[in-house]
C-alpha atoms as a PDB file:
ATOM      1  CA  MET A   1       0.000   0.000   0.000  1.00  0.00           C
ATOM      2  CA  ASN A   2       1.465   3.314  -1.118  1.00  0.00           C
ATOM      3  CA  TRP A   3       0.473   5.196   2.016  1.00  0.00           C
ATOM      4  CA  SER A   4       0.596   8.992   2.019  1.00  0.00           C
ATOM      5  CA  GLY A   5      -1.267   9.292   5.311  1.00  0.00           C
ATOM      6  CA  GLY A   6      -4.032  11.277   3.609  1.00  0.00           C
ATOM      7  CA  LYS A   7      -7.675  10.553   2.903  1.00  0.00           C
ATOM      8  CA  ASP A   8      -7.311   8.983  -0.565  1.00  0.00           C
ATOM      9  CA  SER A   9      -4.717   6.402   0.408  1.00  0.00           C
ATOM     10  CA  ALA A  10      -6.693   5.705   3.588  1.00  0.00           C
ATOM     11  CA  LEU A  11      -9.892   5.039   1.661  1.00  0.00           C
ATOM     12  CA  ALA A  12      -8.023   2.983  -0.958  1.00  0.00           C
ATOM     13  CA  LEU A  13      -6.674   0.793   1.850  1.00  0.00           C
ATOM     14  CA  TYR A  14     -10.214   0.388   3.200  1.00  0.00           C
ATOM     15  CA  HIS A  15     -11.332  -1.033  -0.151  1.00  0.00           C
ATOM     16  CA  VAL A  16      -8.354  -3.385  -0.329  1.00  0.00           C
ATOM     17  CA  LEU A  17      -9.024  -4.659   3.189  1.00  0.00           C
ATOM     18  CA  HIS A  18     -12.564  -5.545   2.048  1.00  0.00           C
ATOM     19  CA  ASP A  19     -11.516  -7.151  -1.240  1.00  0.00           C
ATOM     20  CA  ALA A  20     -10.952 -10.905  -1.040  1.00  0.00           C
ATOM     21  CA  ARG A  21      -8.581 -10.755  -4.019  1.00  0.00           C
ATOM     22  CA  TYR A  22      -5.920  -8.969  -1.977  1.00  0.00           C
ATOM     23  CA  GLU A  23      -4.163  -9.112   1.373  1.00  0.00           C
ATOM     24  CA  ALA A  24      -2.678  -5.869   2.676  1.00  0.00           C
ATOM     25  CA  VAL A  25       0.735  -6.709   4.136  1.00  0.00           C
ATOM     26  CA  HIS A  26       2.948  -3.600   3.993  1.00  0.00           C
ATOM     27  CA  LEU A  27       2.904   0.206   3.855  1.00  0.00           C
ATOM     28  CA  LEU A  28       5.318   2.323   1.800  1.00  0.00           C
ATOM     29  CA  THR A  29       5.633   6.097   2.299  1.00  0.00           C
ATOM     30  CA  SER A  30       7.902   8.682   0.659  1.00  0.00           C
ATOM     31  CA  VAL A  31       9.631  10.837   3.268  1.00  0.00           C
ATOM     32  CA  ASN A  32      11.817  13.936   2.981  1.00  0.00           C
ATOM     33  CA  ALA A  33      14.999  12.617   4.607  1.00  0.00           C
ATOM     34  CA  HIS A  34      16.272  16.091   5.513  1.00  0.00           C
ATOM     35  CA  TYR A  35      13.149  17.248   7.359  1.00  0.00           C
ATOM     36  CA  GLN A  36      11.829  13.801   8.367  1.00  0.00           C
ATOM     37  CA  ARG A  37       8.371  14.618   7.109  1.00  0.00           C
ATOM     38  CA  VAL A  38       6.021  12.953   4.638  1.00  0.00           C
ATOM     39  CA  SER A  39       6.739  14.202   1.129  1.00  0.00           C
ATOM     40  CA  MET A  40       4.363  16.973  -0.045  1.00  0.00           C
ATOM     41  CA  HIS A  41       2.146  16.620   3.037  1.00  0.00           C
ATOM     42  CA  GLY A  42       4.737  17.922   5.503  1.00  0.00           C
ATOM     43  CA  VAL A  43       3.532  15.616   8.302  1.00  0.00           C
ATOM     44  CA  ARG A  44       6.061  14.596  10.953  1.00  0.00           C
ATOM     45  CA  VAL A  45       7.377  11.023  10.788  1.00  0.00           C
ATOM     46  CA  ALA A  46       6.232  10.468  14.389  1.00  0.00           C
ATOM     47  CA  LEU A  47       2.615  10.863  13.254  1.00  0.00           C
ATOM     48  CA  LEU A  48       3.214   8.602  10.252  1.00  0.00           C
ATOM     49  CA  ASP A  49       4.554   5.963  12.636  1.00  0.00           C
ATOM     50  CA  ALA A  50       1.438   6.408  14.776  1.00  0.00           C
ATOM     51  CA  GLN A  51      -0.747   5.666  11.758  1.00  0.00           C
ATOM     52  CA  ALA A  52       1.183   2.492  10.917  1.00  0.00           C
ATOM     53  CA  ALA A  53       0.973   1.318  14.524  1.00  0.00           C
ATOM     54  CA  ARG A  54      -2.792   1.794  14.590  1.00  0.00           C
ATOM     55  CA  ILE A  55      -3.224   0.014  11.254  1.00  0.00           C
ATOM     56  CA  GLY A  56      -1.013  -2.829  12.437  1.00  0.00           C
ATOM     57  CA  LEU A  57       1.105  -3.129   9.290  1.00  0.00           C
ATOM     58  CA  PRO A  58       4.876  -2.762   8.863  1.00  0.00           C
ATOM     59  CA  LEU A  59       6.025   0.476   7.251  1.00  0.00           C
ATOM     60  CA  THR A  60       8.901   1.172   4.874  1.00  0.00           C
ATOM     61  CA  LYS A  61       9.983   4.821   4.630  1.00  0.00           C
ATOM     62  CA  LEU A  62      11.345   5.732   1.211  1.00  0.00           C
ATOM     63  CA  GLU A  63      13.772   8.481   2.228  1.00  0.00           C
ATOM     64  CA  LEU A  64      14.244  11.032  -0.528  1.00  0.00           C
ATOM     65  CA  PRO A  65      16.751  13.889  -0.741  1.00  0.00           C
ATOM     66  CA  GLU A  66      15.507  17.391   0.011  1.00  0.00           C
ATOM     67  CA  GLN A  67      14.963  18.188  -3.675  1.00  0.00           C
ATOM     68  CA  PRO A  68      15.034  14.898  -5.610  1.00  0.00           C
ATOM     69  CA  ASP A  69      14.936  14.755  -9.387  1.00  0.00           C
ATOM     70  CA  MET A  70      13.040  12.024 -11.215  1.00  0.00           C
ATOM     71  CA  ALA A  71      16.172   9.887 -11.614  1.00  0.00           C
ATOM     72  CA  ASP A  72      16.732   9.952  -7.835  1.00  0.00           C
ATOM     73  CA  TYR A  73      13.096   9.128  -7.162  1.00  0.00           C
ATOM     74  CA  GLU A  74      12.952   6.216  -9.583  1.00  0.00           C
ATOM     75  CA  ARG A  75      16.233   4.722  -8.384  1.00  0.00           C
ATOM     76  CA  LEU A  76      15.237   4.908  -4.719  1.00  0.00           C
ATOM     77  CA  MET A  77      11.699   3.674  -5.346  1.00  0.00           C
ATOM     78  CA  LEU A  78      12.886   0.604  -7.238  1.00  0.00           C
ATOM     79  CA  ALA A  79      15.391  -0.112  -4.461  1.00  0.00           C
ATOM     80  CA  ALA A  80      12.605   0.084  -1.869  1.00  0.00           C
ATOM     81  CA  LEU A  81      10.310  -2.175  -3.888  1.00  0.00           C
ATOM     82  CA  ALA A  82      12.932  -4.861  -4.598  1.00  0.00           C
ATOM     83  CA  PRO A  83      12.838  -6.551  -1.156  1.00  0.00           C
ATOM     84  CA  LEU A  84       9.024  -6.401  -1.141  1.00  0.00           C
ATOM     85  CA  ARG A  85       8.877  -8.059  -4.552  1.00  0.00           C
ATOM     86  CA  ALA A  86      11.363 -10.669  -3.329  1.00  0.00           C
ATOM     87  CA  ARG A  87       8.891 -11.542  -0.558  1.00  0.00           C
ATOM     88  CA  GLY A  88       6.287 -12.367  -3.186  1.00  0.00           C
ATOM     89  CA  ILE A  89       4.332  -9.104  -3.119  1.00  0.00           C
ATOM     90  CA  GLN A  90       2.882  -8.663  -6.600  1.00  0.00           C
ATOM     91  CA  HIS A  91       0.652  -5.598  -6.325  1.00  0.00           C
ATOM     92  CA  ALA A  92       1.109  -1.958  -5.324  1.00  0.00           C
ATOM     93  CA  VAL A  93      -2.013  -0.020  -4.312  1.00  0.00           C
ATOM     94  CA  PHE A  94      -2.503   3.707  -5.000  1.00  0.00           C
ATOM     95  CA  GLY A  95      -5.191   6.242  -4.117  1.00  0.00           C
ATOM     96  CA  ASP A  96      -5.146   8.018  -7.505  1.00  0.00           C
ATOM     97  CA  ILE A  97      -8.522   8.948  -8.964  1.00  0.00           C
ATOM     98  CA  PHE A  98      -8.282  10.744 -12.324  1.00  0.00           C
ATOM     99  CA  LEU A  99      -4.696  11.480 -13.410  1.00  0.00           C
ATOM    100  CA  ALA A 100      -4.249   9.121 -16.361  1.00  0.00           C
ATOM    101  CA  ASP A 101      -0.648  10.100 -17.106  1.00  0.00           C
ATOM    102  CA  LEU A 102       0.346   9.399 -13.505  1.00  0.00           C
ATOM    103  CA  ARG A 103      -1.417   6.034 -13.610  1.00  0.00           C
ATOM    104  CA  THR A 104       0.423   5.087 -16.814  1.00  0.00           C
ATOM    105  CA  TYR A 105       3.751   6.109 -15.266  1.00  0.00           C
ATOM    106  CA  ARG A 106       3.139   3.990 -12.165  1.00  0.00           C
ATOM    107  CA  GLU A 107       2.072   0.987 -14.234  1.00  0.00           C
ATOM    108  CA  GLN A 108       5.160   1.194 -16.426  1.00  0.00           C
ATOM    109  CA  GLN A 109       7.560   1.493 -13.489  1.00  0.00           C
ATOM    110  CA  LEU A 110       5.991  -1.462 -11.674  1.00  0.00           C
ATOM    111  CA  ALA A 111       5.881  -3.607 -14.815  1.00  0.00           C
ATOM    112  CA  SER A 112       9.664  -3.370 -14.997  1.00  0.00           C
ATOM    113  CA  MET A 113       9.729  -5.292 -11.700  1.00  0.00           C
ATOM    114  CA  GLY A 114       6.986  -7.740 -12.550  1.00  0.00           C
ATOM    115  CA  MET A 115       4.446  -5.972 -10.341  1.00  0.00           C
ATOM    116  CA  GLN A 116       0.951  -4.613 -11.001  1.00  0.00           C
ATOM    117  CA  ALA A 117      -0.653  -1.370  -9.865  1.00  0.00           C
ATOM    118  CA  VAL A 118      -4.088  -1.371  -8.205  1.00  0.00           C
ATOM    119  CA  PHE A 119      -6.319   1.743  -8.124  1.00  0.00           C
ATOM    120  CA  PRO A 120      -9.395   1.106  -5.924  1.00  0.00           C
ATOM    121  CA  LEU A 121     -10.707   4.688  -6.324  1.00  0.00           C
ATOM    122  CA  TRP A 122     -10.123   5.038 -10.042  1.00  0.00           C
ATOM    123  CA  GLN A 123     -12.718   7.343 -11.698  1.00  0.00           C
ATOM    124  CA  ARG A 124     -15.210   6.911  -8.865  1.00  0.00           C
ATOM    125  CA  GLY A 125     -15.924  10.652  -8.772  1.00  0.00           C
ATOM    126  CA  SER A 126     -14.593  13.033  -6.140  1.00  0.00           C
ATOM    127  CA  ALA A 127     -17.957  13.911  -4.599  1.00  0.00           C
ATOM    128  CA  ALA A 128     -18.894  10.231  -4.245  1.00  0.00           C
ATOM    129  CA  ILE A 129     -15.519   9.420  -2.690  1.00  0.00           C
ATOM    130  CA  LEU A 130     -15.879  12.177  -0.109  1.00  0.00           C
ATOM    131  CA  ARG A 131     -19.409  11.097   0.750  1.00  0.00           C
ATOM    132  CA  GLN A 132     -18.200   7.552   1.367  1.00  0.00           C
ATOM    133  CA  TYR A 133     -15.178   8.782   3.308  1.00  0.00           C
ATOM    134  CA  LEU A 134     -17.393  10.744   5.699  1.00  0.00           C
ATOM    135  CA  ALA A 135     -20.074   8.050   5.977  1.00  0.00           C
ATOM    136  CA  LEU A 136     -17.514   5.416   6.961  1.00  0.00           C
ATOM    137  CA  GLY A 137     -16.232   7.526   9.848  1.00  0.00           C
ATOM    138  CA  PHE A 138     -12.830   8.594   8.543  1.00  0.00           C
ATOM    139  CA  ARG A 139     -11.534  11.804  10.103  1.00  0.00           C
ATOM    140  CA  ALA A 140      -8.743  13.980   8.743  1.00  0.00           C
ATOM    141  CA  VAL A 141      -7.236  17.430   9.050  1.00  0.00           C
ATOM    142  CA  VAL A 142      -6.013  19.496   6.086  1.00  0.00           C
ATOM    143  CA  VAL A 143      -2.250  19.904   6.434  1.00  0.00           C
ATOM    144  CA  CYS A 144      -1.262  21.578   3.151  1.00  0.00           C
ATOM    145  CA  VAL A 145      -2.964  23.847   0.625  1.00  0.00           C
ATOM    146  CA  ASN A 146      -1.753  25.144  -2.715  1.00  0.00           C
ATOM    147  CA  GLU A 147      -2.060  28.947  -2.612  1.00  0.00           C
ATOM    148  CA  GLN A 148      -3.007  28.965  -6.288  1.00  0.00           C
ATOM    149  CA  TYR A 149      -6.320  27.308  -5.375  1.00  0.00           C
ATOM    150  CA  LEU A 150      -6.980  27.885  -1.656  1.00  0.00           C
ATOM    151  CA  ASP A 151      -6.033  30.571   0.837  1.00  0.00           C
ATOM    152  CA  GLN A 152      -4.376  29.847   4.162  1.00  0.00           C
ATOM    153  CA  SER A 153      -7.694  29.766   6.052  1.00  0.00           C
ATOM    154  CA  PHE A 154      -8.327  26.264   4.671  1.00  0.00           C
ATOM    155  CA  CYS A 155      -5.090  24.915   6.121  1.00  0.00           C
ATOM    156  CA  GLY A 156      -5.499  23.226   9.512  1.00  0.00           C
ATOM    157  CA  ARG A 157      -9.252  22.731   9.139  1.00  0.00           C
ATOM    158  CA  LEU A 158     -11.042  19.432   9.620  1.00  0.00           C
ATOM    159  CA  LEU A 159     -11.980  17.717   6.387  1.00  0.00           C
ATOM    160  CA  ASP A 160     -15.751  17.673   6.868  1.00  0.00           C
ATOM    161  CA  GLU A 161     -18.976  18.779   5.197  1.00  0.00           C
ATOM    162  CA  GLU A 162     -18.366  22.423   6.133  1.00  0.00           C
ATOM    163  CA  PHE A 163     -14.913  22.331   4.528  1.00  0.00           C
ATOM    164  CA  LEU A 164     -16.390  20.902   1.335  1.00  0.00           C
ATOM    165  CA  ARG A 165     -19.154  23.529   1.212  1.00  0.00           C
ATOM    166  CA  ASP A 166     -16.561  26.288   1.520  1.00  0.00           C
ATOM    167  CA  LEU A 167     -14.401  25.108  -1.390  1.00  0.00           C
ATOM    168  CA  PRO A 168     -14.270  27.666  -4.226  1.00  0.00           C
ATOM    169  CA  PRO A 169     -15.693  26.709  -7.639  1.00  0.00           C
ATOM    170  CA  GLY A 170     -13.285  24.686  -9.740  1.00  0.00           C
ATOM    171  CA  VAL A 171     -11.488  23.067  -6.794  1.00  0.00           C
ATOM    172  CA  ASP A 172     -11.698  19.284  -6.895  1.00  0.00           C
ATOM    173  CA  PRO A 173     -13.407  18.035  -3.695  1.00  0.00           C
ATOM    174  CA  CYS A 174     -10.653  15.446  -3.233  1.00  0.00           C
ATOM    175  CA  GLY A 175      -7.847  17.850  -4.129  1.00  0.00           C
ATOM    176  CA  GLU A 176      -6.902  15.540  -6.999  1.00  0.00           C
ATOM    177  CA  ASN A 177      -5.110  18.379  -8.804  1.00  0.00           C
ATOM    178  CA  GLY A 178      -2.905  19.076  -5.777  1.00  0.00           C
ATOM    179  CA  GLU A 179      -5.205  21.705  -4.247  1.00  0.00           C
ATOM    180  CA  TYR A 180      -4.764  20.286  -0.739  1.00  0.00           C
ATOM    181  CA  HIS A 181      -3.404  17.346   1.273  1.00  0.00           C
ATOM    182  CA  SER A 182      -4.662  15.820   4.504  1.00  0.00           C
ATOM    183  CA  PHE A 183      -3.662  13.726   7.512  1.00  0.00           C
ATOM    184  CA  VAL A 184      -6.035  10.959   8.637  1.00  0.00           C
ATOM    185  CA  PHE A 185      -6.166  10.750  12.419  1.00  0.00           C
ATOM    186  CA  ASP A 186      -8.999   8.229  12.662  1.00  0.00           C
ATOM    187  CA  ALA A 187     -10.207   5.414  10.401  1.00  0.00           C
ATOM    188  CA  PRO A 188     -12.478   2.385  10.710  1.00  0.00           C
ATOM    189  CA  TYR A 189      -9.403   0.123  10.816  1.00  0.00           C
ATOM    190  CA  PHE A 190      -7.351   2.208  13.284  1.00  0.00           C
ATOM    191  CA  ALA A 191      -6.919   0.574  16.695  1.00  0.00           C
ATOM    192  CA  ALA A 192      -7.488   4.036  18.221  1.00  0.00           C
ATOM    193  CA  PRO A 193      -7.599   7.676  17.041  1.00  0.00           C
ATOM    194  CA  ILE A 194      -4.350   9.659  16.896  1.00  0.00           C
ATOM    195  CA  ALA A 195      -4.174  12.613  19.263  1.00  0.00           C
ATOM    196  CA  TYR A 196      -2.533  15.723  17.852  1.00  0.00           C
ATOM    197  CA  GLU A 197      -2.177  19.438  18.410  1.00  0.00           C
ATOM    198  CA  ARG A 198      -2.076  22.117  15.745  1.00  0.00           C
ATOM    199  CA  GLY A 199       1.228  23.931  15.534  1.00  0.00           C
ATOM    200  CA  GLU A 200       2.307  26.913  13.473  1.00  0.00           C
ATOM    201  CA  LEU A 201       1.092  27.776   9.985  1.00  0.00           C
ATOM    202  CA  VAL A 202       3.986  28.147   7.526  1.00  0.00           C
ATOM    203  CA  ARG A 203       4.151  29.405   3.927  1.00  0.00           C
ATOM    204  CA  ARG A 204       6.759  27.838   1.661  1.00  0.00           C
ATOM    205  CA  THR A 205       7.606  28.420  -1.993  1.00  0.00           C
ATOM    206  CA  TYR A 206       9.128  26.022  -4.512  1.00  0.00           C
ATOM    207  CA  PRO A 207      10.211  26.359  -8.150  1.00  0.00           C
ATOM    208  CA  ALA A 208       7.182  25.822 -10.378  1.00  0.00           C
ATOM    209  CA  PRO A 209       7.296  23.242 -13.204  1.00  0.00           C
ATOM    210  CA  ALA A 210       8.870  24.286 -16.495  1.00  0.00           C
ATOM    211  CA  GLY A 211      10.544  27.299 -14.908  1.00  0.00           C
ATOM    212  CA  SER A 212       7.284  29.221 -14.619  1.00  0.00           C
ATOM    213  CA  GLY A 213       8.121  31.119 -11.434  1.00  0.00           C
ATOM    214  CA  GLU A 214       7.273  29.810  -7.971  1.00  0.00           C
ATOM    215  CA  ALA A 215       4.494  27.746  -6.418  1.00  0.00           C
ATOM    216  CA  ALA A 216       3.420  28.662  -2.881  1.00  0.00           C
ATOM    217  CA  PHE A 217       1.974  26.315  -0.269  1.00  0.00           C
ATOM    218  CA  TRP A 218       0.654  26.733   3.266  1.00  0.00           C
ATOM    219  CA  TYR A 219       1.451  23.991   5.802  1.00  0.00           C
ATOM    220  CA  CYS A 220      -0.113  23.385   9.182  1.00  0.00           C
ATOM    221  CA  ASP A 221       2.396  21.682  11.447  1.00  0.00           C
ATOM    222  CA  LEU A 222       0.851  18.889  13.523  1.00  0.00           C
ATOM    223  CA  LEU A 223       2.369  17.843  16.833  1.00  0.00           C
ATOM    224  CA  PRO A 224       1.733  14.521  18.595  1.00  0.00           C
ATOM    225  CA  ALA A 225      -0.404  15.245  21.665  1.00  0.00           C
ATOM    226  CA  ALA A 226       0.531  13.737  25.001  1.00  0.00           C
ATOM    227  CA  ASP A 227      -3.108  13.787  26.109  1.00  0.00           C
ATOM    228  CA  ALA A 228      -4.890  11.139  24.062  1.00  0.00           C
ATOM    229  CA  SER A 229      -8.269  12.686  24.885  1.00  0.00           C
ATOM    230  CA  PHE A 230      -7.348  15.921  23.087  1.00  0.00           C
ATOM    231  CA  MET A 231      -8.115  16.364  19.397  1.00  0.00           C
ATOM    232  CA  ALA A 232      -7.244  19.728  17.875  1.00  0.00           C
END
């Protein structure tokens, strides 16, 4: 299971756990090695570890350099997958919904290792996915927003009906175009919810694709909470 810690990968895992064709045996997450945070999401590794512990599956952290290029990513990903393939794992599960070029890329990379990609949410429709996510009792907090689509007020909010109603026109409800990322702190298959506290809100900029200036993102830092009864 390619586990980002966000709502889409969490719901994809739910479907796999209820599909007799598959057995979920391992989690794989890309991590920024320099900052020790989940890539793109900015979530601390301690909270990622808490998710894996509550799911009850082993976790491999794919540690990437601070600013990896595609060659770095592909080399490190194949190295991380090799021991899993050697154990007999034949499928890699993703939470992608609509991005056909990304799906093709994943399928081609896995085929080179004799593995197949599985997409439980593929083309289900963002609104339908979010309705199921909420109905099943998943709970998540928005940890990153792309300033091009959403202002900082959306960062740090709970992913709930009110959040969805407030989304501007043109923003995909699931953030499939990179509008936002989330951290799941409770799921039907978690042994217990994850307690957290909201930390500071930080704006960061990165070079935009094709040299078209900069892309700006807002991150809400989440801190593990000592008091398990407290949910920010």
